[in-house]
Protein backbone atom coordinates (compact mmCIF):
# COMPACT_ATOMS: atom_id res chain seq x y z
CA MET A 1 102.75 109.09 107.53
CA LYS A 2 99.21 109.94 108.60
CA LEU A 3 97.56 108.02 111.41
CA THR A 4 94.75 105.65 110.61
CA ASP A 5 91.68 104.95 112.71
CA LEU A 6 92.82 101.35 113.13
CA GLN A 7 96.23 102.43 114.50
CA ILE A 8 94.54 104.67 117.04
CA LYS A 9 91.99 102.06 118.15
CA ASN A 10 94.75 99.46 118.58
CA ALA A 11 97.03 101.77 120.58
CA LYS A 12 97.31 100.55 124.16
CA THR A 13 99.36 101.81 127.06
CA GLN A 14 102.79 100.30 127.42
CA GLU A 15 103.46 97.64 130.04
CA ASN A 16 105.74 99.98 131.96
CA GLY A 17 102.94 102.57 132.15
CA LYS A 18 104.89 105.28 130.33
CA PRO A 19 102.87 107.51 127.99
CA PHE A 20 103.83 107.59 124.33
CA LYS A 21 103.00 109.63 121.23
CA LEU A 22 101.61 108.60 117.86
CA TYR A 23 102.69 111.32 115.43
CA ASP A 24 100.44 112.45 112.60
CA GLY A 25 102.64 115.17 111.13
CA ASN A 26 103.00 118.96 111.25
CA GLY A 27 103.08 118.99 115.06
CA LEU A 28 99.88 116.99 115.57
CA TYR A 29 100.04 113.81 117.65
CA LEU A 30 97.97 111.53 119.84
CA LEU A 31 99.22 111.11 123.39
CA VAL A 32 98.40 107.63 124.72
CA ASN A 33 98.55 107.07 128.47
CA HIS A 34 96.75 105.10 131.19
CA ALA A 35 93.90 107.66 131.35
CA GLY A 36 93.10 107.64 127.63
CA LYS A 37 94.08 109.06 124.25
CA TYR A 38 94.49 112.81 123.79
CA TRP A 39 95.09 114.98 120.71
CA ARG A 40 97.96 117.45 121.12
CA TYR A 41 99.44 120.02 118.78
CA ASP A 42 102.99 121.39 119.12
CA TYR A 43 103.54 124.81 117.60
CA GLN A 44 105.94 127.72 117.73
CA LEU A 45 105.13 131.32 116.90
CA LYS A 46 107.96 133.43 115.50
CA GLY A 47 110.31 134.49 118.28
CA CYS A 48 108.52 132.44 120.95
CA LYS A 49 109.13 129.16 122.73
CA ARG A 50 107.50 125.99 121.49
CA LYS A 51 104.08 125.37 123.04
CA THR A 52 101.66 122.45 123.16
CA LEU A 53 97.95 122.88 122.62
CA ALA A 54 95.62 120.29 124.18
CA ILE A 55 92.89 119.76 121.59
CA GLY A 56 90.71 117.09 123.15
CA LYS A 57 90.19 113.44 123.89
CA TYR A 58 89.83 110.70 121.31
CA PRO A 59 87.12 109.60 120.33
CA VAL A 60 85.29 112.82 121.34
CA ILE A 61 87.47 114.53 118.73
CA PRO A 62 87.58 111.84 116.02
CA LEU A 63 90.27 111.21 113.46
CA ALA A 64 87.87 112.29 110.71
CA GLY A 65 87.87 115.75 112.25
CA ARG A 66 91.58 115.91 111.58
CA ASN A 67 91.68 114.88 107.95
CA GLY A 68 88.14 114.23 106.77
CA LYS A 69 85.26 116.32 105.53
CA SER A 70 85.13 118.33 108.74
CA GLY A 71 88.78 119.38 108.53
CA ALA A 72 87.73 123.04 108.63
CA TYR A 73 86.60 122.45 112.22
CA TRP A 74 90.17 121.57 113.20
CA ASP A 75 91.56 124.65 111.43
CA ILE A 76 89.12 126.97 113.20
CA TYR A 77 89.65 125.29 116.56
CA LEU A 78 93.44 125.48 116.33
CA VAL A 79 93.51 129.10 115.22
CA ALA A 80 91.05 130.16 117.91
CA ASN A 81 92.99 128.44 120.66
CA ILE A 82 96.44 129.53 119.51
CA CYS A 83 95.35 133.15 119.19
CA SER A 84 93.80 133.15 122.66
CA ALA A 85 96.82 131.48 124.31
């Protein structure tokens, strides 16, 4: 199930202070901790270990960038960062 803007805005840190993840699908998730909300992407290239790409902080990188009209921005950003890793 895809994340909604309302889910993200309502996400608060847990009382015990532990960070948690809101999954969006296909390796993309929002990490919520005491310092803020961060987009992360888990991926694995063939024959390699799984890696995590730090995309940016929400709301600097908005939800619309993930699934809205500017979705091409996310594709280009992910490819550029994975290839340079």
